[in-house]
Amino acid sequence: MTLKLLVTGGLGFIGSNFVRYMFTKHDDIQIINLDKLYIDSNPANLKDAEGDDRYKLVEDRPGHDLRYSLDSTKIRRELGWKPKHTFQSSLEETVTWYAENESWRKPLTTDKVLHPTPWKFR
């Protein structure tokens, strides 16, 4: 069974070394690298992986926001609102749910959905 790994920032110094390390430790691996190509990204860092079938650099999706932010100051101040859960606990609960409900998510993981650029399919 092929290990599929999504790496973000794989063209940076640390990310590119991680990708190379994973290739040396796992023969049966597929690495998908999603990189925003910021100032610390350097495509030359993984030039040696370009022809490798186990490696794919994915272009970012069109219209992807550079930043997601929400300012809850007003609702907190005026209505006394506060979140019921912390970000960390909510993330842990979500990961646990997906891990425990494979029968729900398995049919959704088609080749089309897992393709590096699914928005190109019509």
PDB file of N, CA and C in Angstrom:
ATOM      1  N   MET A   1       0.841  -1.179   0.000  1.00  0.00           N
ATOM      2  CA  MET A   1       0.000   0.000   0.000  1.00  0.00           C
ATOM      3  C   MET A   1       0.887   1.244   0.000  1.00  0.00           C
ATOM      4  N   THR A   2       0.619   2.142  -0.919  1.00  0.00           N
ATOM      5  CA  THR A   2       1.400   3.358  -1.044  1.00  0.00           C
ATOM      6  C   THR A   2       1.018   4.352   0.044  1.00  0.00           C
ATOM      7  N   LEU A   3       2.017   4.882   0.710  1.00  0.00           N
ATOM      8  CA  LEU A   3       1.815   5.928   1.700  1.00  0.00           C
ATOM      9  C   LEU A   3       1.705   7.243   0.953  1.00  0.00           C
ATOM     10  N   LYS A   4       0.575   7.955   1.107  1.00  0.00           N
ATOM     11  CA  LYS A   4       0.394   9.250   0.467  1.00  0.00           C
ATOM     12  C   LYS A   4       0.574  10.333   1.524  1.00  0.00           C
ATOM     13  N   LEU A   5       1.422  11.297   1.197  1.00  0.00           N
ATOM     14  CA  LEU A   5       1.768  12.324   2.162  1.00  0.00           C
ATOM     15  C   LEU A   5       1.616  13.700   1.526  1.00  0.00           C
ATOM     16  N   LEU A   6       0.865  14.581   2.176  1.00  0.00           N
ATOM     17  CA  LEU A   6       0.725  15.955   1.732  1.00  0.00           C
ATOM     18  C   LEU A   6       1.691  16.798   2.557  1.00  0.00           C
ATOM     19  N   VAL A   7       2.574  17.492   1.867  1.00  0.00           N
ATOM     20  CA  VAL A   7       3.554  18.345   2.527  1.00  0.00           C
ATOM     21  C   VAL A   7       3.263  19.782   2.119  1.00  0.00           C
ATOM     22  N   THR A   8       3.230  20.688   3.086  1.00  0.00           N
ATOM     23  CA  THR A   8       3.090  22.106   2.761  1.00  0.00           C
ATOM     24  C   THR A   8       4.431  22.773   3.020  1.00  0.00           C
ATOM     25  N   GLY A   9       4.823  23.641   2.108  1.00  0.00           N
ATOM     26  CA  GLY A   9       6.093  24.344   2.272  1.00  0.00           C
ATOM     27  C   GLY A   9       7.298  23.480   1.962  1.00  0.00           C
ATOM     28  N   GLY A  10       7.130  22.503   1.089  1.00  0.00           N
ATOM     29  CA  GLY A  10       8.207  21.568   0.785  1.00  0.00           C
ATOM     30  C   GLY A  10       9.357  22.143  -0.013  1.00  0.00           C
ATOM     31  N   LEU A  11       9.214  23.373  -0.499  1.00  0.00           N
ATOM     32  CA  LEU A  11      10.307  23.982  -1.253  1.00  0.00           C
ATOM     33  C   LEU A  11      11.201  24.852  -0.382  1.00  0.00           C
ATOM     34  N   GLY A  12      10.864  24.961   0.880  1.00  0.00           N
ATOM     35  CA  GLY A  12      11.726  25.677   1.819  1.00  0.00           C
ATOM     36  C   GLY A  12      12.873  24.774   2.256  1.00  0.00           C
ATOM     37  N   PHE A  13      13.774  25.304   3.031  1.00  0.00           N
ATOM     38  CA  PHE A  13      14.942  24.548   3.476  1.00  0.00           C
ATOM     39  C   PHE A  13      14.540  23.307   4.282  1.00  0.00           C
ATOM     40  N   ILE A  14      13.718  23.508   5.288  1.00  0.00           N
ATOM     41  CA  ILE A  14      13.315  22.390   6.156  1.00  0.00           C
ATOM     42  C   ILE A  14      12.419  21.417   5.392  1.00  0.00           C
ATOM     43  N   GLY A  15      11.429  21.945   4.660  1.00  0.00           N
ATOM     44  CA  GLY A  15      10.503  21.083   3.923  1.00  0.00           C
ATOM     45  C   GLY A  15      11.193  20.215   2.895  1.00  0.00           C
ATOM     46  N   SER A  16      12.140  20.792   2.154  1.00  0.00           N
ATOM     47  CA  SER A  16      12.827  20.009   1.119  1.00  0.00           C
ATOM     48  C   SER A  16      13.683  18.910   1.731  1.00  0.00           C
ATOM     49  N   ASN A  17      14.282  19.178   2.873  1.00  0.00           N
ATOM     50  CA  ASN A  17      15.051  18.134   3.555  1.00  0.00           C
ATOM     51  C   ASN A  17      14.138  17.038   4.089  1.00  0.00           C
ATOM     52  N   PHE A  18      12.951  17.415   4.552  1.00  0.00           N
ATOM     53  CA  PHE A  18      11.975  16.427   5.008  1.00  0.00           C
ATOM     54  C   PHE A  18      11.548  15.525   3.854  1.00  0.00           C
ATOM     55  N   VAL A  19      11.270  16.128   2.689  1.00  0.00           N
ATOM     56  CA  VAL A  19      10.853  15.341   1.513  1.00  0.00           C
ATOM     57  C   VAL A  19      11.944  14.341   1.152  1.00  0.00           C
ATOM     58  N   ARG A  20      13.180  14.785   1.081  1.00  0.00           N
ATOM     59  CA  ARG A  20      14.292  13.870   0.748  1.00  0.00           C
ATOM     60  C   ARG A  20      14.426  12.757   1.788  1.00  0.00           C
ATOM     61  N   TYR A  21      14.288  13.109   3.059  1.00  0.00           N
ATOM     62  CA  TYR A  21      14.355  12.128   4.132  1.00  0.00           C
ATOM     63  C   TYR A  21      13.277  11.058   3.962  1.00  0.00           C
ATOM     64  N   MET A  22      12.052  11.483   3.669  1.00  0.00           N
ATOM     65  CA  MET A  22      10.953  10.529   3.508  1.00  0.00           C
ATOM     66  C   MET A  22      11.205   9.601   2.325  1.00  0.00           C
ATOM     67  N   PHE A  23      11.793  10.117   1.251  1.00  0.00           N
ATOM     68  CA  PHE A  23      12.124   9.268   0.105  1.00  0.00           C
ATOM     69  C   PHE A  23      13.155   8.207   0.484  1.00  0.00           C
ATOM     70  N   THR A  24      14.104   8.548   1.336  1.00  0.00           N
ATOM     71  CA  THR A  24      15.121   7.562   1.727  1.00  0.00           C
ATOM     72  C   THR A  24      14.566   6.520   2.694  1.00  0.00           C
ATOM     73  N   LYS A  25      13.563   6.884   3.464  1.00  0.00           N
ATOM     74  CA  LYS A  25      13.014   5.962   4.468  1.00  0.00           C
ATOM     75  C   LYS A  25      11.854   5.112   3.956  1.00  0.00           C
ATOM     76  N   HIS A  26      11.193   5.543   2.882  1.00  0.00           N
ATOM     77  CA  HIS A  26      10.011   4.839   2.385  1.00  0.00           C
ATOM     78  C   HIS A  26      10.095   4.688   0.868  1.00  0.00           C
ATOM     79  N   ASP A  27      10.212   3.459   0.416  1.00  0.00           N
ATOM     80  CA  ASP A  27      10.239   3.208  -1.026  1.00  0.00           C
ATOM     81  C   ASP A  27       8.865   3.398  -1.651  1.00  0.00           C
ATOM     82  N   ASP A  28       7.834   3.009  -0.912  1.00  0.00           N
ATOM     83  CA  ASP A  28       6.471   3.051  -1.433  1.00  0.00           C
ATOM     84  C   ASP A  28       5.742   4.273  -0.873  1.00  0.00           C
ATOM     85  N   ILE A  29       6.111   5.452  -1.366  1.00  0.00           N
ATOM     86  CA  ILE A  29       5.535   6.702  -0.865  1.00  0.00           C
ATOM     87  C   ILE A  29       5.218   7.615  -2.036  1.00  0.00           C
ATOM     88  N   GLN A  30       4.172   8.389  -1.892  1.00  0.00           N
ATOM     89  CA  GLN A  30       3.835   9.426  -2.862  1.00  0.00           C
ATOM     90  C   GLN A  30       3.726  10.727  -2.082  1.00  0.00           C
ATOM     91  N   ILE A  31       4.518  11.723  -2.474  1.00  0.00           N
ATOM     92  CA  ILE A  31       4.521  13.002  -1.776  1.00  0.00           C
ATOM     93  C   ILE A  31       3.927  14.069  -2.685  1.00  0.00           C
ATOM     94  N   ILE A  32       2.910  14.739  -2.159  1.00  0.00           N
ATOM     95  CA  ILE A  32       2.299  15.864  -2.850  1.00  0.00           C
ATOM     96  C   ILE A  32       2.712  17.117  -2.077  1.00  0.00           C
ATOM     97  N   ASN A  33       3.377  18.016  -2.767  1.00  0.00           N
ATOM     98  CA  ASN A  33       3.913  19.214  -2.137  1.00  0.00           C
ATOM     99  C   ASN A  33       3.076  20.425  -2.536  1.00  0.00           C
ATOM    100  N   LEU A  34       2.409  21.019  -1.560  1.00  0.00           N
ATOM    101  CA  LEU A  34       1.640  22.242  -1.779  1.00  0.00           C
ATOM    102  C   LEU A  34       2.464  23.391  -1.227  1.00  0.00           C
ATOM    103  N   ASP A  35       2.914  24.266  -2.100  1.00  0.00           N
ATOM    104  CA  ASP A  35       3.788  25.358  -1.681  1.00  0.00           C
ATOM    105  C   ASP A  35       3.307  26.666  -2.283  1.00  0.00           C
ATOM    106  N   LYS A  36       3.193  27.690  -1.474  1.00  0.00           N
ATOM    107  CA  LYS A  36       2.728  29.000  -1.928  1.00  0.00           C
ATOM    108  C   LYS A  36       3.813  29.792  -2.651  1.00  0.00           C
ATOM    109  N   LEU A  37       5.025  29.286  -2.680  1.00  0.00           N
ATOM    110  CA  LEU A  37       6.149  29.948  -3.336  1.00  0.00           C
ATOM    111  C   LEU A  37       6.384  31.351  -2.777  1.00  0.00           C
ATOM    112  N   TYR A  38       6.514  31.409  -1.449  1.00  0.00           N
ATOM    113  CA  TYR A  38       6.869  32.667  -0.795  1.00  0.00           C
ATOM    114  C   TYR A  38       8.361  32.908  -0.942  1.00  0.00           C
ATOM    115  N   ILE A  39       8.839  33.943  -0.304  1.00  0.00           N
ATOM    116  CA  ILE A  39      10.224  34.344  -0.443  1.00  0.00           C
ATOM    117  C   ILE A  39      11.199  33.258   0.040  1.00  0.00           C
ATOM    118  N   ASP A  40      10.775  32.451   1.006  1.00  0.00           N
ATOM    119  CA  ASP A  40      11.665  31.408   1.517  1.00  0.00           C
ATOM    120  C   ASP A  40      11.533  30.095   0.743  1.00  0.00           C
ATOM    121  N   SER A  41      10.702  30.064  -0.282  1.00  0.00           N
ATOM    122  CA  SER A  41      10.562  28.878  -1.133  1.00  0.00           C
ATOM    123  C   SER A  41      11.565  28.966  -2.278  1.00  0.00           C
ATOM    124  N   ASN A  42      12.153  27.817  -2.596  1.00  0.00           N
ATOM    125  CA  ASN A  42      13.122  27.788  -3.683  1.00  0.00           C
ATOM    126  C   ASN A  42      12.937  26.491  -4.467  1.00  0.00           C
ATOM    127  N   PRO A  43      12.369  26.565  -5.664  1.00  0.00           N
ATOM    128  CA  PRO A  43      12.156  25.353  -6.465  1.00  0.00           C
ATOM    129  C   PRO A  43      13.430  24.549  -6.698  1.00  0.00           C
ATOM    130  N   ALA A  44      14.585  25.198  -6.669  1.00  0.00           N
ATOM    131  CA  ALA A  44      15.848  24.478  -6.855  1.00  0.00           C
ATOM    132  C   ALA A  44      16.127  23.509  -5.705  1.00  0.00           C
ATOM    133  N   ASN A  45      15.484  23.729  -4.541  1.00  0.00           N
ATOM    134  CA  ASN A  45      15.695  22.836  -3.394  1.00  0.00           C
ATOM    135  C   ASN A  45      15.268  21.404  -3.691  1.00  0.00           C
ATOM    136  N   LEU A  46      14.286  21.215  -4.578  1.00  0.00           N
ATOM    137  CA  LEU A  46      13.829  19.867  -4.914  1.00  0.00           C
ATOM    138  C   LEU A  46      13.926  19.603  -6.410  1.00  0.00           C
ATOM    139  N   LYS A  47      14.852  20.243  -7.060  1.00  0.00           N
ATOM    140  CA  LYS A  47      15.066  20.036  -8.495  1.00  0.00           C
ATOM    141  C   LYS A  47      15.307  18.552  -8.784  1.00  0.00           C
ATOM    142  N   ASP A  48      16.022  17.881  -7.885  1.00  0.00           N
ATOM    143  CA  ASP A  48      16.330  16.459  -8.064  1.00  0.00           C
ATOM    144  C   ASP A  48      15.095  15.562  -7.983  1.00  0.00           C
ATOM    145  N   ALA A  49      13.988  16.052  -7.439  1.00  0.00           N
ATOM    146  CA  ALA A  49      12.771  15.243  -7.305  1.00  0.00           C
ATOM    147  C   ALA A  49      11.815  15.446  -8.480  1.00  0.00           C
ATOM    148  N   GLU A  50      12.084  16.403  -9.349  1.00  0.00           N
ATOM    149  CA  GLU A  50      11.150  16.752 -10.420  1.00  0.00           C
ATOM    150  C   GLU A  50      10.747  15.587 -11.312  1.00  0.00           C
ATOM    151  N   GLY A  51      11.655  14.714 -11.680  1.00  0.00           N
ATOM    152  CA  GLY A  51      11.310  13.609 -12.571  1.00  0.00           C
ATOM    153  C   GLY A  51      10.826  12.371 -11.846  1.00  0.00           C
ATOM    154  N   ASP A  52      10.799  12.405 -10.536  1.00  0.00           N
ATOM    155  CA  ASP A  52      10.426  11.241  -9.728  1.00  0.00           C
ATOM    156  C   ASP A  52       8.903  11.083  -9.712  1.00  0.00           C
ATOM    157  N   ASP A  53       8.411   9.914 -10.104  1.00  0.00           N
ATOM    158  CA  ASP A  53       6.965   9.653 -10.122  1.00  0.00           C
ATOM    159  C   ASP A  53       6.340   9.726  -8.730  1.00  0.00           C
ATOM    160  N   ARG A  54       7.159   9.616  -7.706  1.00  0.00           N
ATOM    161  CA  ARG A  54       6.639   9.644  -6.334  1.00  0.00           C
ATOM    162  C   ARG A  54       6.423  11.066  -5.823  1.00  0.00           C
ATOM    163  N   TYR A  55       6.793  12.064  -6.602  1.00  0.00           N
ATOM    164  CA  TYR A  55       6.740  13.459  -6.153  1.00  0.00           C
ATOM    165  C   TYR A  55       5.908  14.316  -7.100  1.00  0.00           C
ATOM    166  N   LYS A  56       5.081  15.182  -6.523  1.00  0.00           N
ATOM    167  CA  LYS A  56       4.278  16.092  -7.338  1.00  0.00           C
ATOM    168  C   LYS A  56       4.203  17.440  -6.627  1.00  0.00           C
ATOM    169  N   LEU A  57       4.610  18.497  -7.319  1.00  0.00           N
ATOM    170  CA  LEU A  57       4.430  19.856  -6.828  1.00  0.00           C
ATOM    171  C   LEU A  57       3.078  20.334  -7.342  1.00  0.00           C
ATOM    172  N   VAL A  58       2.216  20.766  -6.434  1.00  0.00           N
ATOM    173  CA  VAL A  58       0.856  21.145  -6.793  1.00  0.00           C
ATOM    174  C   VAL A  58       0.745  22.657  -6.815  1.00  0.00           C
ATOM    175  N   GLU A  59       0.179  23.160  -7.923  1.00  0.00           N
ATOM    176  CA  GLU A  59      -0.086  24.585  -7.978  1.00  0.00           C
ATOM    177  C   GLU A  59      -1.240  24.902  -7.041  1.00  0.00           C
ATOM    178  N   ASP A  60      -1.173  26.043  -6.399  1.00  0.00           N
ATOM    179  CA  ASP A  60      -2.221  26.428  -5.464  1.00  0.00           C
ATOM    180  C   ASP A  60      -3.517  26.675  -6.214  1.00  0.00           C
ATOM    181  N   ARG A  61      -4.640  26.477  -5.549  1.00  0.00           N
ATOM    182  CA  ARG A  61      -5.924  26.630  -6.227  1.00  0.00           C
ATOM    183  C   ARG A  61      -6.189  28.100  -6.565  1.00  0.00           C
ATOM    184  N   PRO A  62      -6.860  28.342  -7.657  1.00  0.00           N
ATOM    185  CA  PRO A  62      -7.145  29.722  -8.064  1.00  0.00           C
ATOM    186  C   PRO A  62      -7.989  30.453  -7.019  1.00  0.00           C
ATOM    187  N   GLY A  63      -7.659  31.696  -6.766  1.00  0.00           N
ATOM    188  CA  GLY A  63      -8.437  32.497  -5.832  1.00  0.00           C
ATOM    189  C   GLY A  63      -8.213  32.154  -4.375  1.00  0.00           C
ATOM    190  N   HIS A  64      -7.219  31.354  -4.085  1.00  0.00           N
ATOM    191  CA  HIS A  64      -6.959  30.968  -2.705  1.00  0.00           C
ATOM    192  C   HIS A  64      -6.609  32.203  -1.878  1.00  0.00           C
ATOM    193  N   ASP A  65      -7.288  32.366  -0.775  1.00  0.00           N
ATOM    194  CA  ASP A  65      -7.026  33.512   0.093  1.00  0.00           C
ATOM    195  C   ASP A  65      -5.641  33.410   0.697  1.00  0.00           C
ATOM    196  N   LEU A  66      -4.980  34.537   0.797  1.00  0.00           N
ATOM    197  CA  LEU A  66      -3.664  34.544   1.426  1.00  0.00           C
ATOM    198  C   LEU A  66      -3.780  34.492   2.939  1.00  0.00           C
ATOM    199  N   ARG A  67      -4.929  34.890   3.463  1.00  0.00           N
ATOM    200  CA  ARG A  67      -5.083  34.927   4.910  1.00  0.00           C
ATOM    201  C   ARG A  67      -6.554  34.735   5.260  1.00  0.00           C
ATOM    202  N   TYR A  68      -6.803  33.923   6.259  1.00  0.00           N
ATOM    203  CA  TYR A  68      -8.153  33.772   6.788  1.00  0.00           C
ATOM    204  C   TYR A  68      -8.142  34.405   8.171  1.00  0.00           C
ATOM    205  N   SER A  69      -8.994  35.371   8.395  1.00  0.00           N
ATOM    206  CA  SER A  69      -9.026  35.963   9.724  1.00  0.00           C
ATOM    207  C   SER A  69     -10.448  36.371  10.073  1.00  0.00           C
ATOM    208  N   LEU A  70     -10.719  36.367  11.340  1.00  0.00           N
ATOM    209  CA  LEU A  70     -12.020  36.764  11.849  1.00  0.00           C
ATOM    210  C   LEU A  70     -11.768  37.551  13.124  1.00  0.00           C
ATOM    211  N   ASP A  71     -12.332  38.709  13.197  1.00  0.00           N
ATOM    212  CA  ASP A  71     -12.189  39.538  14.394  1.00  0.00           C
ATOM    213  C   ASP A  71     -13.488  39.443  15.183  1.00  0.00           C
ATOM    214  N   SER A  72     -13.439  38.787  16.318  1.00  0.00           N
ATOM    215  CA  SER A  72     -14.645  38.596  17.123  1.00  0.00           C
ATOM    216  C   SER A  72     -14.746  39.613  18.258  1.00  0.00           C
ATOM    217  N   THR A  73     -13.969  40.668  18.206  1.00  0.00           N
ATOM    218  CA  THR A  73     -13.955  41.666  19.281  1.00  0.00           C
ATOM    219  C   THR A  73     -15.339  42.257  19.530  1.00  0.00           C
ATOM    220  N   LYS A  74     -16.034  42.654  18.471  1.00  0.00           N
ATOM    221  CA  LYS A  74     -17.328  43.328  18.618  1.00  0.00           C
ATOM    222  C   LYS A  74     -18.383  42.413  19.246  1.00  0.00           C
ATOM    223  N   ILE A  75     -18.475  41.176  18.765  1.00  0.00           N
ATOM    224  CA  ILE A  75     -19.490  40.261  19.313  1.00  0.00           C
ATOM    225  C   ILE A  75     -19.150  39.860  20.749  1.00  0.00           C
ATOM    226  N   ARG A  76     -17.863  39.791  21.050  1.00  0.00           N
ATOM    227  CA  ARG A  76     -17.467  39.506  22.435  1.00  0.00           C
ATOM    228  C   ARG A  76     -17.830  40.678  23.354  1.00  0.00           C
ATOM    229  N   ARG A  77     -17.499  41.876  22.904  1.00  0.00           N
ATOM    230  CA  ARG A  77     -17.725  43.072  23.704  1.00  0.00           C
ATOM    231  C   ARG A  77     -19.217  43.372  23.867  1.00  0.00           C
ATOM    232  N   GLU A  78     -19.960  43.354  22.766  1.00  0.00           N
ATOM    233  CA  GLU A  78     -21.354  43.792  22.814  1.00  0.00           C
ATOM    234  C   GLU A  78     -22.335  42.717  23.261  1.00  0.00           C
ATOM    235  N   LEU A  79     -22.026  41.468  22.975  1.00  0.00           N
ATOM    236  CA  LEU A  79     -22.955  40.390  23.331  1.00  0.00           C
ATOM    237  C   LEU A  79     -22.391  39.411  24.362  1.00  0.00           C
ATOM    238  N   GLY A  80     -21.138  39.600  24.718  1.00  0.00           N
ATOM    239  CA  GLY A  80     -20.533  38.704  25.695  1.00  0.00           C
ATOM    240  C   GLY A  80     -20.270  37.303  25.161  1.00  0.00           C
ATOM    241  N   TRP A  81     -20.187  37.182  23.837  1.00  0.00           N
ATOM    242  CA  TRP A  81     -19.972  35.872  23.221  1.00  0.00           C
ATOM    243  C   TRP A  81     -18.555  35.387  23.470  1.00  0.00           C
ATOM    244  N   LYS A  82     -18.433  34.096  23.642  1.00  0.00           N
ATOM    245  CA  LYS A  82     -17.114  33.468  23.674  1.00  0.00           C
ATOM    246  C   LYS A  82     -17.260  32.053  23.126  1.00  0.00           C
ATOM    247  N   PRO A  83     -16.223  31.524  22.506  1.00  0.00           N
ATOM    248  CA  PRO A  83     -16.314  30.186  21.925  1.00  0.00           C
ATOM    249  C   PRO A  83     -16.501  29.116  23.006  1.00  0.00           C
ATOM    250  N   LYS A  84     -17.258  28.075  22.654  1.00  0.00           N
ATOM    251  CA  LYS A  84     -17.481  26.976  23.592  1.00  0.00           C
ATOM    252  C   LYS A  84     -16.271  26.049  23.669  1.00  0.00           C
ATOM    253  N   HIS A  85     -15.509  25.992  22.578  1.00  0.00           N
ATOM    254  CA  HIS A  85     -14.383  25.073  22.494  1.00  0.00           C
ATOM    255  C   HIS A  85     -13.135  25.822  22.053  1.00  0.00           C
ATOM    256  N   THR A  86     -11.989  25.309  22.450  1.00  0.00           N
ATOM    257  CA  THR A  86     -10.741  25.907  21.970  1.00  0.00           C
ATOM    258  C   THR A  86     -10.453  25.381  20.574  1.00  0.00           C
ATOM    259  N   PHE A  87      -9.608  26.079  19.863  1.00  0.00           N
ATOM    260  CA  PHE A  87      -9.214  25.624  18.531  1.00  0.00           C
ATOM    261  C   PHE A  87      -8.580  24.232  18.626  1.00  0.00           C
ATOM    262  N   GLN A  88      -7.691  24.046  19.596  1.00  0.00           N
ATOM    263  CA  GLN A  88      -6.981  22.779  19.760  1.00  0.00           C
ATOM    264  C   GLN A  88      -7.949  21.625  20.024  1.00  0.00           C
ATOM    265  N   SER A  89      -8.888  21.811  20.958  1.00  0.00           N
ATOM    266  CA  SER A  89      -9.818  20.716  21.274  1.00  0.00           C
ATOM    267  C   SER A  89     -10.732  20.413  20.084  1.00  0.00           C
ATOM    268  N   SER A  90     -11.158  21.443  19.371  1.00  0.00           N
ATOM    269  CA  SER A  90     -12.015  21.229  18.197  1.00  0.00           C
ATOM    270  C   SER A  90     -11.271  20.489  17.095  1.00  0.00           C
ATOM    271  N   LEU A  91     -10.010  20.840  16.887  1.00  0.00           N
ATOM    272  CA  LEU A  91      -9.198  20.155  15.886  1.00  0.00           C
ATOM    273  C   LEU A  91      -9.013  18.686  16.257  1.00  0.00           C
ATOM    274  N   GLU A  92      -8.711  18.427  17.515  1.00  0.00           N
ATOM    275  CA  GLU A  92      -8.544  17.047  17.983  1.00  0.00           C
ATOM    276  C   GLU A  92      -9.833  16.240  17.808  1.00  0.00           C
ATOM    277  N   GLU A  93     -10.976  16.824  18.154  1.00  0.00           N
ATOM    278  CA  GLU A  93     -12.260  16.139  18.000  1.00  0.00           C
ATOM    279  C   GLU A  93     -12.557  15.843  16.529  1.00  0.00           C
ATOM    280  N   THR A  94     -12.232  16.772  15.653  1.00  0.00           N
ATOM    281  CA  THR A  94     -12.472  16.584  14.221  1.00  0.00           C
ATOM    282  C   THR A  94     -11.613  15.454  13.668  1.00  0.00           C
ATOM    283  N   VAL A  95     -10.343  15.464  14.000  1.00  0.00           N
ATOM    284  CA  VAL A  95      -9.433  14.408  13.533  1.00  0.00           C
ATOM    285  C   VAL A  95      -9.891  13.050  14.054  1.00  0.00           C
ATOM    286  N   THR A  96     -10.269  12.982  15.322  1.00  0.00           N
ATOM    287  CA  THR A  96     -10.757  11.732  15.913  1.00  0.00           C
ATOM    288  C   THR A  96     -12.008  11.240  15.191  1.00  0.00           C
ATOM    289  N   TRP A  97     -12.937  12.150  14.901  1.00  0.00           N
ATOM    290  CA  TRP A  97     -14.165  11.761  14.217  1.00  0.00           C
ATOM    291  C   TRP A  97     -13.856  11.164  12.855  1.00  0.00           C
ATOM    292  N   TYR A  98     -13.019  11.823  12.069  1.00  0.00           N
ATOM    293  CA  TYR A  98     -12.679  11.306  10.741  1.00  0.00           C
ATOM    294  C   TYR A  98     -11.968   9.962  10.839  1.00  0.00           C
ATOM    295  N   ALA A  99     -11.101   9.802  11.827  1.00  0.00           N
ATOM    296  CA  ALA A  99     -10.395   8.534  12.002  1.00  0.00           C
ATOM    297  C   ALA A  99     -11.352   7.404  12.365  1.00  0.00           C
ATOM    298  N   GLU A 100     -12.364   7.706  13.171  1.00  0.00           N
ATOM    299  CA  GLU A 100     -13.314   6.695  13.631  1.00  0.00           C
ATOM    300  C   GLU A 100     -14.463   6.439  12.655  1.00  0.00           C
ATOM    301  N   ASN A 101     -14.608   7.252  11.641  1.00  0.00           N
ATOM    302  CA  ASN A 101     -15.727   7.133  10.706  1.00  0.00           C
ATOM    303  C   ASN A 101     -15.242   6.925   9.277  1.00  0.00           C
ATOM    304  N   GLU A 102     -14.353   5.971   9.111  1.00  0.00           N
ATOM    305  CA  GLU A 102     -13.787   5.685   7.796  1.00  0.00           C
ATOM    306  C   GLU A 102     -14.871   5.282   6.798  1.00  0.00           C
ATOM    307  N   SER A 103     -15.898   4.574   7.256  1.00  0.00           N
ATOM    308  CA  SER A 103     -16.956   4.139   6.341  1.00  0.00           C
ATOM    309  C   SER A 103     -17.712   5.332   5.752  1.00  0.00           C
ATOM    310  N   TRP A 104     -17.736   6.460   6.442  1.00  0.00           N
ATOM    311  CA  TRP A 104     -18.382   7.658   5.932  1.00  0.00           C
ATOM    312  C   TRP A 104     -17.492   8.379   4.920  1.00  0.00           C
ATOM    313  N   ARG A 105     -16.189   8.502   5.244  1.00  0.00           N
ATOM    314  CA  ARG A 105     -15.308   9.297   4.393  1.00  0.00           C
ATOM    315  C   ARG A 105     -14.690   8.518   3.246  1.00  0.00           C
ATOM    316  N   LYS A 106     -14.577   7.196   3.368  1.00  0.00           N
ATOM    317  CA  LYS A 106     -13.907   6.391   2.348  1.00  0.00           C
ATOM    318  C   LYS A 106     -14.526   6.559   0.955  1.00  0.00           C
ATOM    319  N   PRO A 107     -15.863   6.515   0.810  1.00  0.00           N
ATOM    320  CA  PRO A 107     -16.445   6.686  -0.529  1.00  0.00           C
ATOM    321  C   PRO A 107     -16.195   8.082  -1.133  1.00  0.00           C
ATOM    322  N   LEU A 108     -15.842   9.049  -0.309  1.00  0.00           N
ATOM    323  CA  LEU A 108     -15.619  10.408  -0.792  1.00  0.00           C
ATOM    324  C   LEU A 108     -14.208  10.625  -1.335  1.00  0.00           C
ATOM    325  N   THR A 109     -13.314   9.690  -1.072  1.00  0.00           N
ATOM    326  CA  THR A 109     -11.919   9.861  -1.470  1.00  0.00           C
ATOM    327  C   THR A 109     -11.656   9.190  -2.803  1.00  0.00           C
ATOM    328  N   THR A 110     -12.229   9.763  -3.839  1.00  0.00           N
ATOM    329  CA  THR A 110     -12.042   9.247  -5.186  1.00  0.00           C
ATOM    330  C   THR A 110     -10.768   9.836  -5.784  1.00  0.00           C
ATOM    331  N   ASP A 111     -10.319   9.267  -6.895  1.00  0.00           N
ATOM    332  CA  ASP A 111      -9.137   9.797  -7.574  1.00  0.00           C
ATOM    333  C   ASP A 111      -9.360  11.243  -8.007  1.00  0.00           C
ATOM    334  N   LYS A 112     -10.581  11.560  -8.409  1.00  0.00           N
ATOM    335  CA  LYS A 112     -10.877  12.922  -8.838  1.00  0.00           C
ATOM    336  C   LYS A 112     -10.716  13.899  -7.666  1.00  0.00           C
ATOM    337  N   VAL A 113     -11.233  13.541  -6.521  1.00  0.00           N
ATOM    338  CA  VAL A 113     -11.148  14.407  -5.349  1.00  0.00           C
ATOM    339  C   VAL A 113      -9.707  14.527  -4.864  1.00  0.00           C
ATOM    340  N   LEU A 114      -8.957  13.438  -4.917  1.00  0.00           N
ATOM    341  CA  LEU A 114      -7.591  13.442  -4.427  1.00  0.00           C
ATOM    342  C   LEU A 114      -6.585  13.957  -5.452  1.00  0.00           C
ATOM    343  N   HIS A 115      -7.047  14.247  -6.643  1.00  0.00           N
ATOM    344  CA  HIS A 115      -6.153  14.770  -7.679  1.00  0.00           C
ATOM    345  C   HIS A 115      -5.551  16.099  -7.213  1.00  0.00           C
ATOM    346  N   PRO A 116      -4.291  16.373  -7.531  1.00  0.00           N
ATOM    347  CA  PRO A 116      -3.654  17.605  -7.072  1.00  0.00           C
ATOM    348  C   PRO A 116      -4.363  18.895  -7.506  1.00  0.00           C
ATOM    349  N   THR A 117      -5.080  18.854  -8.628  1.00  0.00           N
ATOM    350  CA  THR A 117      -5.804  20.044  -9.095  1.00  0.00           C
ATOM    351  C   THR A 117      -7.232  19.658  -9.469  1.00  0.00           C
ATOM    352  N   PRO A 118      -8.070  19.293  -8.480  1.00  0.00           N
ATOM    353  CA  PRO A 118      -9.418  18.804  -8.784  1.00  0.00           C
ATOM    354  C   PRO A 118     -10.311  19.841  -9.459  1.00  0.00           C
ATOM    355  N   TRP A 119     -10.023  21.122  -9.278  1.00  0.00           N
ATOM    356  CA  TRP A 119     -10.855  22.142  -9.884  1.00  0.00           C
ATOM    357  C   TRP A 119     -10.733  22.159 -11.418  1.00  0.00           C
ATOM    358  N   LYS A 120      -9.749  21.456 -11.958  1.00  0.00           N
ATOM    359  CA  LYS A 120      -9.580  21.423 -13.398  1.00  0.00           C
ATOM    360  C   LYS A 120     -10.514  20.407 -14.058  1.00  0.00           C
ATOM    361  N   PHE A 121     -11.107  19.520 -13.260  1.00  0.00           N
ATOM    362  CA  PHE A 121     -12.071  18.551 -13.790  1.00  0.00           C
ATOM    363  C   PHE A 121     -13.427  19.216 -13.913  1.00  0.00           C
ATOM    364  N   ARG A 122     -14.104  18.949 -14.992  1.00  0.00           N
ATOM    365  CA  ARG A 122     -15.442  19.527 -15.171  1.00  0.00           C
ATOM    366  C   ARG A 122     -16.447  18.421 -15.306  1.00  0.00           C
TER     367      ARG A 122
END
